[in-house]
Amino acid sequence: MERRDDLPGLASWFMGHNIAMEKATSNDDIQSALDALLSPNVSIQINGVSVSRSDYIQTIVSIAQGRTSNDVTYFSIIEVPTDPESPKTVRS
């Protein structure tokens, strides 16, 4: 695998993947967007209850199937800095 020196920051990476989910219209598109967003080894907890990756994806797909519109606003995204003395806030 080739090393990339131009990796995006966490905020832009997340927003890019989340926008792909917002624009997904078919179940296959939603599934592909979630596969790109979530690691195969992701650990998911909702209200303290562990949820498998596949159950989480199926829940999101079933919710997204009936949507008629979608609007997401990012008020603030905090990236964990490499230098703890210089936190970075990204606003969109």
PDB file of N, CA and C in Angstrom:
ATOM      1  N   MET A   1       0.834  -1.174   0.000  1.00  0.00           N
ATOM      2  CA  MET A   1       0.000   0.000   0.000  1.00  0.00           C
ATOM      3  C   MET A   1       0.882   1.241   0.000  1.00  0.00           C
ATOM      4  N   GLU A   2       0.476   2.187  -0.787  1.00  0.00           N
ATOM      5  CA  GLU A   2       1.232   3.420  -0.940  1.00  0.00           C
ATOM      6  C   GLU A   2       0.894   4.419   0.165  1.00  0.00           C
ATOM      7  N   ARG A   3       1.908   5.102   0.666  1.00  0.00           N
ATOM      8  CA  ARG A   3       1.701   6.105   1.717  1.00  0.00           C
ATOM      9  C   ARG A   3       1.188   7.397   1.090  1.00  0.00           C
ATOM     10  N   ARG A   4       0.195   7.991   1.751  1.00  0.00           N
ATOM     11  CA  ARG A   4      -0.336   9.275   1.298  1.00  0.00           C
ATOM     12  C   ARG A   4       0.074  10.353   2.283  1.00  0.00           C
ATOM     13  N   ASP A   5       0.648  11.427   1.777  1.00  0.00           N
ATOM     14  CA  ASP A   5       1.036  12.544   2.628  1.00  0.00           C
ATOM     15  C   ASP A   5      -0.029  13.639   2.660  1.00  0.00           C
ATOM     16  N   ASP A   6      -1.076  13.476   1.867  1.00  0.00           N
ATOM     17  CA  ASP A   6      -2.103  14.515   1.773  1.00  0.00           C
ATOM     18  C   ASP A   6      -3.430  14.067   2.392  1.00  0.00           C
ATOM     19  N   LEU A   7      -3.351  13.325   3.484  1.00  0.00           N
ATOM     20  CA  LEU A   7      -4.565  12.836   4.127  1.00  0.00           C
ATOM     21  C   LEU A   7      -5.408  13.996   4.646  1.00  0.00           C
ATOM     22  N   PRO A   8      -6.730  13.891   4.532  1.00  0.00           N
ATOM     23  CA  PRO A   8      -7.581  14.965   5.042  1.00  0.00           C
ATOM     24  C   PRO A   8      -7.623  14.948   6.562  1.00  0.00           C
ATOM     25  N   GLY A   9      -7.993  16.068   7.153  1.00  0.00           N
ATOM     26  CA  GLY A   9      -8.209  16.110   8.594  1.00  0.00           C
ATOM     27  C   GLY A   9      -9.451  15.304   8.942  1.00  0.00           C
ATOM     28  N   LEU A  10      -9.608  15.003  10.207  1.00  0.00           N
ATOM     29  CA  LEU A  10     -10.738  14.194  10.651  1.00  0.00           C
ATOM     30  C   LEU A  10     -12.072  14.846  10.308  1.00  0.00           C
ATOM     31  N   ALA A  11     -12.179  16.147  10.500  1.00  0.00           N
ATOM     32  CA  ALA A  11     -13.449  16.835  10.237  1.00  0.00           C
ATOM     33  C   ALA A  11     -13.845  16.716   8.771  1.00  0.00           C
ATOM     34  N   SER A  12     -12.932  16.993   7.859  1.00  0.00           N
ATOM     35  CA  SER A  12     -13.275  16.917   6.434  1.00  0.00           C
ATOM     36  C   SER A  12     -13.514  15.472   6.002  1.00  0.00           C
ATOM     37  N   TRP A  13     -12.767  14.525   6.580  1.00  0.00           N
ATOM     38  CA  TRP A  13     -12.994  13.107   6.273  1.00  0.00           C
ATOM     39  C   TRP A  13     -14.402  12.701   6.709  1.00  0.00           C
ATOM     40  N   PHE A  14     -14.779  13.058   7.941  1.00  0.00           N
ATOM     41  CA  PHE A  14     -16.099  12.698   8.459  1.00  0.00           C
ATOM     42  C   PHE A  14     -17.213  13.351   7.643  1.00  0.00           C
ATOM     43  N   MET A  15     -17.082  14.657   7.376  1.00  0.00           N
ATOM     44  CA  MET A  15     -18.131  15.346   6.630  1.00  0.00           C
ATOM     45  C   MET A  15     -18.275  14.765   5.229  1.00  0.00           C
ATOM     46  N   GLY A  16     -17.162  14.425   4.588  1.00  0.00           N
ATOM     47  CA  GLY A  16     -17.224  13.816   3.259  1.00  0.00           C
ATOM     48  C   GLY A  16     -17.970  12.495   3.263  1.00  0.00           C
ATOM     49  N   HIS A  17     -17.670  11.656   4.249  1.00  0.00           N
ATOM     50  CA  HIS A  17     -18.355  10.367   4.337  1.00  0.00           C
ATOM     51  C   HIS A  17     -19.817  10.545   4.744  1.00  0.00           C
ATOM     52  N   ASN A  18     -20.086  11.489   5.610  1.00  0.00           N
ATOM     53  CA  ASN A  18     -21.461  11.720   6.043  1.00  0.00           C
ATOM     54  C   ASN A  18     -22.301  12.305   4.908  1.00  0.00           C
ATOM     55  N   ILE A  19     -21.711  13.179   4.108  1.00  0.00           N
ATOM     56  CA  ILE A  19     -22.417  13.733   2.949  1.00  0.00           C
ATOM     57  C   ILE A  19     -22.755  12.622   1.964  1.00  0.00           C
ATOM     58  N   ALA A  20     -21.849  11.659   1.803  1.00  0.00           N
ATOM     59  CA  ALA A  20     -22.138  10.512   0.931  1.00  0.00           C
ATOM     60  C   ALA A  20     -23.364   9.763   1.438  1.00  0.00           C
ATOM     61  N   MET A  21     -23.500   9.634   2.754  1.00  0.00           N
ATOM     62  CA  MET A  21     -24.683   8.979   3.317  1.00  0.00           C
ATOM     63  C   MET A  21     -25.929   9.816   3.088  1.00  0.00           C
ATOM     64  N   GLU A  22     -25.815  11.130   3.259  1.00  0.00           N
ATOM     65  CA  GLU A  22     -26.963  12.013   3.050  1.00  0.00           C
ATOM     66  C   GLU A  22     -27.498  11.901   1.628  1.00  0.00           C
ATOM     67  N   LYS A  23     -26.586  11.801   0.655  1.00  0.00           N
ATOM     68  CA  LYS A  23     -26.976  11.790  -0.752  1.00  0.00           C
ATOM     69  C   LYS A  23     -27.368  10.402  -1.250  1.00  0.00           C
ATOM     70  N   ALA A  24     -27.079   9.374  -0.475  1.00  0.00           N
ATOM     71  CA  ALA A  24     -27.404   8.007  -0.895  1.00  0.00           C
ATOM     72  C   ALA A  24     -28.916   7.848  -0.994  1.00  0.00           C
ATOM     73  N   THR A  25     -29.368   7.275  -2.104  1.00  0.00           N
ATOM     74  CA  THR A  25     -30.805   7.119  -2.304  1.00  0.00           C
ATOM     75  C   THR A  25     -31.247   5.662  -2.295  1.00  0.00           C
ATOM     76  N   SER A  26     -30.398   4.768  -2.719  1.00  0.00           N
ATOM     77  CA  SER A  26     -30.771   3.347  -2.737  1.00  0.00           C
ATOM     78  C   SER A  26     -30.162   2.638  -1.533  1.00  0.00           C
ATOM     79  N   ASN A  27     -30.692   1.477  -1.214  1.00  0.00           N
ATOM     80  CA  ASN A  27     -30.133   0.685  -0.114  1.00  0.00           C
ATOM     81  C   ASN A  27     -28.671   0.348  -0.368  1.00  0.00           C
ATOM     82  N   ASP A  28     -28.328   0.044  -1.621  1.00  0.00           N
ATOM     83  CA  ASP A  28     -26.936  -0.278  -1.954  1.00  0.00           C
ATOM     84  C   ASP A  28     -26.025   0.925  -1.730  1.00  0.00           C
ATOM     85  N   ASP A  29     -26.504   2.121  -2.100  1.00  0.00           N
ATOM     86  CA  ASP A  29     -25.713   3.339  -1.886  1.00  0.00           C
ATOM     87  C   ASP A  29     -25.507   3.608  -0.398  1.00  0.00           C
ATOM     88  N   ILE A  30     -26.567   3.418   0.384  1.00  0.00           N
ATOM     89  CA  ILE A  30     -26.473   3.625   1.832  1.00  0.00           C
ATOM     90  C   ILE A  30     -25.498   2.623   2.432  1.00  0.00           C
ATOM     91  N   GLN A  31     -25.616   1.359   2.021  1.00  0.00           N
ATOM     92  CA  GLN A  31     -24.723   0.300   2.511  1.00  0.00           C
ATOM     93  C   GLN A  31     -23.270   0.622   2.164  1.00  0.00           C
ATOM     94  N   SER A  32     -23.023   1.065   0.933  1.00  0.00           N
ATOM     95  CA  SER A  32     -21.658   1.408   0.511  1.00  0.00           C
ATOM     96  C   SER A  32     -21.104   2.578   1.314  1.00  0.00           C
ATOM     97  N   ALA A  33     -21.938   3.592   1.552  1.00  0.00           N
ATOM     98  CA  ALA A  33     -21.494   4.753   2.330  1.00  0.00           C
ATOM     99  C   ALA A  33     -21.158   4.348   3.759  1.00  0.00           C
ATOM    100  N   LEU A  34     -21.972   3.485   4.352  1.00  0.00           N
ATOM    101  CA  LEU A  34     -21.696   3.023   5.716  1.00  0.00           C
ATOM    102  C   LEU A  34     -20.454   2.143   5.766  1.00  0.00           C
ATOM    103  N   ASP A  35     -20.262   1.304   4.745  1.00  0.00           N
ATOM    104  CA  ASP A  35     -19.058   0.469   4.700  1.00  0.00           C
ATOM    105  C   ASP A  35     -17.800   1.325   4.623  1.00  0.00           C
ATOM    106  N   ALA A  36     -17.878   2.452   3.910  1.00  0.00           N
ATOM    107  CA  ALA A  36     -16.723   3.354   3.812  1.00  0.00           C
ATOM    108  C   ALA A  36     -16.502   4.123   5.110  1.00  0.00           C
ATOM    109  N   LEU A  37     -17.573   4.350   5.867  1.00  0.00           N
ATOM    110  CA  LEU A  37     -17.489   5.126   7.103  1.00  0.00           C
ATOM    111  C   LEU A  37     -17.052   4.287   8.295  1.00  0.00           C
ATOM    112  N   LEU A  38     -17.578   3.070   8.400  1.00  0.00           N
ATOM    113  CA  LEU A  38     -17.365   2.249   9.594  1.00  0.00           C
ATOM    114  C   LEU A  38     -16.310   1.171   9.365  1.00  0.00           C
ATOM    115  N   SER A  39     -15.376   1.076  10.271  1.00  0.00           N
ATOM    116  CA  SER A  39     -14.379   0.007  10.233  1.00  0.00           C
ATOM    117  C   SER A  39     -15.075  -1.343  10.396  1.00  0.00           C
ATOM    118  N   PRO A  40     -14.551  -2.399   9.775  1.00  0.00           N
ATOM    119  CA  PRO A  40     -15.120  -3.732   9.998  1.00  0.00           C
ATOM    120  C   PRO A  40     -15.058  -4.142  11.471  1.00  0.00           C
ATOM    121  N   ASN A  41     -14.141  -3.555  12.224  1.00  0.00           N
ATOM    122  CA  ASN A  41     -13.964  -3.907  13.637  1.00  0.00           C
ATOM    123  C   ASN A  41     -14.525  -2.852  14.584  1.00  0.00           C
ATOM    124  N   VAL A  42     -15.447  -2.026  14.106  1.00  0.00           N
ATOM    125  CA  VAL A  42     -15.989  -0.942  14.923  1.00  0.00           C
ATOM    126  C   VAL A  42     -16.739  -1.495  16.138  1.00  0.00           C
ATOM    127  N   SER A  43     -16.650  -0.764  17.232  1.00  0.00           N
ATOM    128  CA  SER A  43     -17.398  -1.087  18.447  1.00  0.00           C
ATOM    129  C   SER A  43     -18.461  -0.005  18.615  1.00  0.00           C
ATOM    130  N   ILE A  44     -19.724  -0.402  18.595  1.00  0.00           N
ATOM    131  CA  ILE A  44     -20.828   0.557  18.646  1.00  0.00           C
ATOM    132  C   ILE A  44     -21.626   0.333  19.917  1.00  0.00           C
ATOM    133  N   GLN A  45     -21.877   1.426  20.624  1.00  0.00           N
ATOM    134  CA  GLN A  45     -22.742   1.375  21.803  1.00  0.00           C
ATOM    135  C   GLN A  45     -23.784   2.472  21.680  1.00  0.00           C
ATOM    136  N   ILE A  46     -25.033   2.101  21.923  1.00  0.00           N
ATOM    137  CA  ILE A  46     -26.124   3.064  21.913  1.00  0.00           C
ATOM    138  C   ILE A  46     -26.785   3.001  23.275  1.00  0.00           C
ATOM    139  N   ASN A  47     -26.751   4.114  23.983  1.00  0.00           N
ATOM    140  CA  ASN A  47     -27.280   4.178  25.349  1.00  0.00           C
ATOM    141  C   ASN A  47     -26.696   3.075  26.227  1.00  0.00           C
ATOM    142  N   GLY A  48     -25.412   2.819  26.061  1.00  0.00           N
ATOM    143  CA  GLY A  48     -24.713   1.845  26.894  1.00  0.00           C
ATOM    144  C   GLY A  48     -24.886   0.402  26.472  1.00  0.00           C
ATOM    145  N   VAL A  49     -25.637   0.155  25.404  1.00  0.00           N
ATOM    146  CA  VAL A  49     -25.878  -1.211  24.931  1.00  0.00           C
ATOM    147  C   VAL A  49     -25.040  -1.453  23.678  1.00  0.00           C
ATOM    148  N   SER A  50     -24.262  -2.541  23.680  1.00  0.00           N
ATOM    149  CA  SER A  50     -23.458  -2.888  22.511  1.00  0.00           C
ATOM    150  C   SER A  50     -24.361  -3.325  21.365  1.00  0.00           C
ATOM    151  N   VAL A  51     -24.051  -2.824  20.181  1.00  0.00           N
ATOM    152  CA  VAL A  51     -24.809  -3.153  18.978  1.00  0.00           C
ATOM    153  C   VAL A  51     -23.808  -3.634  17.938  1.00  0.00           C
ATOM    154  N   SER A  52     -24.121  -4.729  17.269  1.00  0.00           N
ATOM    155  CA  SER A  52     -23.208  -5.229  16.240  1.00  0.00           C
ATOM    156  C   SER A  52     -23.203  -4.271  15.052  1.00  0.00           C
ATOM    157  N   ARG A  53     -22.128  -4.312  14.312  1.00  0.00           N
ATOM    158  CA  ARG A  53     -21.994  -3.460  13.125  1.00  0.00           C
ATOM    159  C   ARG A  53     -23.131  -3.737  12.150  1.00  0.00           C
ATOM    160  N   SER A  54     -23.412  -5.013  11.909  1.00  0.00           N
ATOM    161  CA  SER A  54     -24.457  -5.364  10.939  1.00  0.00           C
ATOM    162  C   SER A  54     -25.840  -4.909  11.411  1.00  0.00           C
ATOM    163  N   ASP A  55     -26.127  -5.044  12.712  1.00  0.00           N
ATOM    164  CA  ASP A  55     -27.418  -4.569  13.228  1.00  0.00           C
ATOM    165  C   ASP A  55     -27.527  -3.053  13.112  1.00  0.00           C
ATOM    166  N   TYR A  56     -26.431  -2.352  13.379  1.00  0.00           N
ATOM    167  CA  TYR A  56     -26.425  -0.894  13.266  1.00  0.00           C
ATOM    168  C   TYR A  56     -26.688  -0.477  11.821  1.00  0.00           C
ATOM    169  N   ILE A  57     -25.996  -1.121  10.891  1.00  0.00           N
ATOM    170  CA  ILE A  57     -26.173  -0.793   9.474  1.00  0.00           C
ATOM    171  C   ILE A  57     -27.607  -1.067   9.042  1.00  0.00           C
ATOM    172  N   GLN A  58     -28.160  -2.201   9.447  1.00  0.00           N
ATOM    173  CA  GLN A  58     -29.541  -2.517   9.080  1.00  0.00           C
ATOM    174  C   GLN A  58     -30.519  -1.492   9.648  1.00  0.00           C
ATOM    175  N   THR A  59     -30.261  -1.018  10.856  1.00  0.00           N
ATOM    176  CA  THR A  59     -31.118   0.008  11.457  1.00  0.00           C
ATOM    177  C   THR A  59     -31.057   1.294  10.648  1.00  0.00           C
ATOM    178  N   ILE A  60     -29.855   1.719  10.290  1.00  0.00           N
ATOM    179  CA  ILE A  60     -29.693   2.949   9.508  1.00  0.00           C
ATOM    180  C   ILE A  60     -30.354   2.797   8.144  1.00  0.00           C
ATOM    181  N   VAL A  61     -30.160   1.660   7.493  1.00  0.00           N
ATOM    182  CA  VAL A  61     -30.768   1.425   6.179  1.00  0.00           C
ATOM    183  C   VAL A  61     -32.290   1.481   6.288  1.00  0.00           C
ATOM    184  N   SER A  62     -32.856   0.845   7.306  1.00  0.00           N
ATOM    185  CA  SER A  62     -34.319   0.836   7.437  1.00  0.00           C
ATOM    186  C   SER A  62     -34.865   2.232   7.736  1.00  0.00           C
ATOM    187  N   ILE A  63     -34.134   3.032   8.505  1.00  0.00           N
ATOM    188  CA  ILE A  63     -34.559   4.408   8.783  1.00  0.00           C
ATOM    189  C   ILE A  63     -34.470   5.251   7.512  1.00  0.00           C
ATOM    190  N   ALA A  64     -33.391   5.081   6.773  1.00  0.00           N
ATOM    191  CA  ALA A  64     -33.144   5.903   5.591  1.00  0.00           C
ATOM    192  C   ALA A  64     -34.093   5.574   4.442  1.00  0.00           C
ATOM    193  N   GLN A  65     -34.626   4.368   4.413  1.00  0.00           N
ATOM    194  CA  GLN A  65     -35.504   3.971   3.312  1.00  0.00           C
ATOM    195  C   GLN A  65     -36.709   4.888   3.170  1.00  0.00           C
ATOM    196  N   GLY A  66     -37.295   5.301   4.270  1.00  0.00           N
ATOM    197  CA  GLY A  66     -38.518   6.080   4.208  1.00  0.00           C
ATOM    198  C   GLY A  66     -38.333   7.580   4.220  1.00  0.00           C
ATOM    199  N   ARG A  67     -37.112   8.045   4.243  1.00  0.00           N
ATOM    200  CA  ARG A  67     -36.918   9.497   4.349  1.00  0.00           C
ATOM    201  C   ARG A  67     -37.320  10.196   3.051  1.00  0.00           C
ATOM    202  N   THR A  68     -37.851  11.381   3.221  1.00  0.00           N
ATOM    203  CA  THR A  68     -38.235  12.177   2.060  1.00  0.00           C
ATOM    204  C   THR A  68     -37.293  13.356   1.871  1.00  0.00           C
ATOM    205  N   SER A  69     -36.621  13.752   2.932  1.00  0.00           N
ATOM    206  CA  SER A  69     -35.623  14.814   2.830  1.00  0.00           C
ATOM    207  C   SER A  69     -34.616  14.631   3.952  1.00  0.00           C
ATOM    208  N   ASN A  70     -33.535  15.374   3.851  1.00  0.00           N
ATOM    209  CA  ASN A  70     -32.456  15.220   4.817  1.00  0.00           C
ATOM    210  C   ASN A  70     -31.728  16.552   4.936  1.00  0.00           C
ATOM    211  N   ASP A  71     -31.459  16.973   6.147  1.00  0.00           N
ATOM    212  CA  ASP A  71     -30.722  18.210   6.359  1.00  0.00           C
ATOM    213  C   ASP A  71     -29.837  18.039   7.587  1.00  0.00           C
ATOM    214  N   VAL A  72     -28.544  18.196   7.400  1.00  0.00           N
ATOM    215  CA  VAL A  72     -27.595  18.044   8.497  1.00  0.00           C
ATOM    216  C   VAL A  72     -26.800  19.334   8.618  1.00  0.00           C
ATOM    217  N   THR A  73     -26.659  19.820   9.844  1.00  0.00           N
ATOM    218  CA  THR A  73     -25.866  21.016  10.108  1.00  0.00           C
ATOM    219  C   THR A  73     -24.763  20.659  11.091  1.00  0.00           C
ATOM    220  N   TYR A  74     -23.543  21.053  10.773  1.00  0.00           N
ATOM    221  CA  TYR A  74     -22.411  20.839  11.668  1.00  0.00           C
ATOM    222  C   TYR A  74     -22.142  22.156  12.388  1.00  0.00           C
ATOM    223  N   PHE A  75     -22.466  22.216  13.657  1.00  0.00           N
ATOM    224  CA  PHE A  75     -22.196  23.429  14.421  1.00  0.00           C
ATOM    225  C   PHE A  75     -20.729  23.497  14.810  1.00  0.00           C
ATOM    226  N   SER A  76     -20.156  22.358  15.135  1.00  0.00           N
ATOM    227  CA  SER A  76     -18.753  22.326  15.524  1.00  0.00           C
ATOM    228  C   SER A  76     -18.262  20.890  15.491  1.00  0.00           C
ATOM    229  N   ILE A  77     -17.067  20.712  15.008  1.00  0.00           N
ATOM    230  CA  ILE A  77     -16.409  19.408  15.037  1.00  0.00           C
ATOM    231  C   ILE A  77     -15.056  19.627  15.687  1.00  0.00           C
ATOM    232  N   ILE A  78     -14.766  18.863  16.707  1.00  0.00           N
ATOM    233  CA  ILE A  78     -13.495  18.986  17.413  1.00  0.00           C
ATOM    234  C   ILE A  78     -12.572  17.868  16.953  1.00  0.00           C
ATOM    235  N   GLU A  79     -11.411  18.234  16.472  1.00  0.00           N
ATOM    236  CA  GLU A  79     -10.395  17.252  16.110  1.00  0.00           C
ATOM    237  C   GLU A  79      -9.433  17.108  17.279  1.00  0.00           C
ATOM    238  N   VAL A  80      -9.049  15.885  17.574  1.00  0.00           N
ATOM    239  CA  VAL A  80      -8.066  15.658  18.633  1.00  0.00           C
ATOM    240  C   VAL A  80      -6.710  16.071  18.076  1.00  0.00           C
ATOM    241  N   PRO A  81      -6.087  17.069  18.684  1.00  0.00           N
ATOM    242  CA  PRO A  81      -4.843  17.598  18.132  1.00  0.00           C
ATOM    243  C   PRO A  81      -3.644  16.707  18.442  1.00  0.00           C
ATOM    244  N   THR A  82      -2.639  16.810  17.593  1.00  0.00           N
ATOM    245  CA  THR A  82      -1.384  16.124  17.890  1.00  0.00           C
ATOM    246  C   THR A  82      -0.653  16.852  19.001  1.00  0.00           C
ATOM    247  N   ASP A  83      -0.928  18.153  19.130  1.00  0.00           N
ATOM    248  CA  ASP A  83      -0.360  18.959  20.205  1.00  0.00           C
ATOM    249  C   ASP A  83      -1.493  19.352  21.151  1.00  0.00           C
ATOM    250  N   PRO A  84      -1.578  18.737  22.339  1.00  0.00           N
ATOM    251  CA  PRO A  84      -2.682  19.020  23.263  1.00  0.00           C
ATOM    252  C   PRO A  84      -2.805  20.491  23.657  1.00  0.00           C
ATOM    253  N   GLU A  85      -1.753  21.260  23.471  1.00  0.00           N
ATOM    254  CA  GLU A  85      -1.797  22.677  23.814  1.00  0.00           C
ATOM    255  C   GLU A  85      -2.448  23.514  22.713  1.00  0.00           C
ATOM    256  N   SER A  86      -2.692  22.915  21.552  1.00  0.00           N
ATOM    257  CA  SER A  86      -3.264  23.662  20.427  1.00  0.00           C
ATOM    258  C   SER A  86      -4.498  22.953  19.870  1.00  0.00           C
ATOM    259  N   PRO A  87      -5.617  22.954  20.600  1.00  0.00           N
ATOM    260  CA  PRO A  87      -6.819  22.307  20.068  1.00  0.00           C
ATOM    261  C   PRO A  87      -7.335  23.051  18.841  1.00  0.00           C
ATOM    262  N   LYS A  88      -7.970  22.316  17.984  1.00  0.00           N
ATOM    263  CA  LYS A  88      -8.450  22.891  16.735  1.00  0.00           C
ATOM    264  C   LYS A  88      -9.955  22.645  16.626  1.00  0.00           C
ATOM    265  N   THR A  89     -10.711  23.693  16.399  1.00  0.00           N
ATOM    266  CA  THR A  89     -12.145  23.567  16.166  1.00  0.00           C
ATOM    267  C   THR A  89     -12.414  23.897  14.711  1.00  0.00           C
ATOM    268  N   VAL A  90     -13.160  23.047  14.047  1.00  0.00           N
ATOM    269  CA  VAL A  90     -13.491  23.255  12.648  1.00  0.00           C
ATOM    270  C   VAL A  90     -14.967  23.609  12.572  1.00  0.00           C
ATOM    271  N   ARG A  91     -15.281  24.695  11.928  1.00  0.00           N
ATOM    272  CA  ARG A  91     -16.686  25.078  11.752  1.00  0.00           C
ATOM    273  C   ARG A  91     -17.022  25.021  10.270  1.00  0.00           C
ATOM    274  N   SER A  92     -18.250  24.641  10.010  1.00  0.00           N
ATOM    275  CA  SER A  92     -18.672  24.623   8.609  1.00  0.00           C
ATOM    276  C   SER A  92     -19.736  25.663   8.388  1.00  0.00           C
TER     277      SER A  92
END
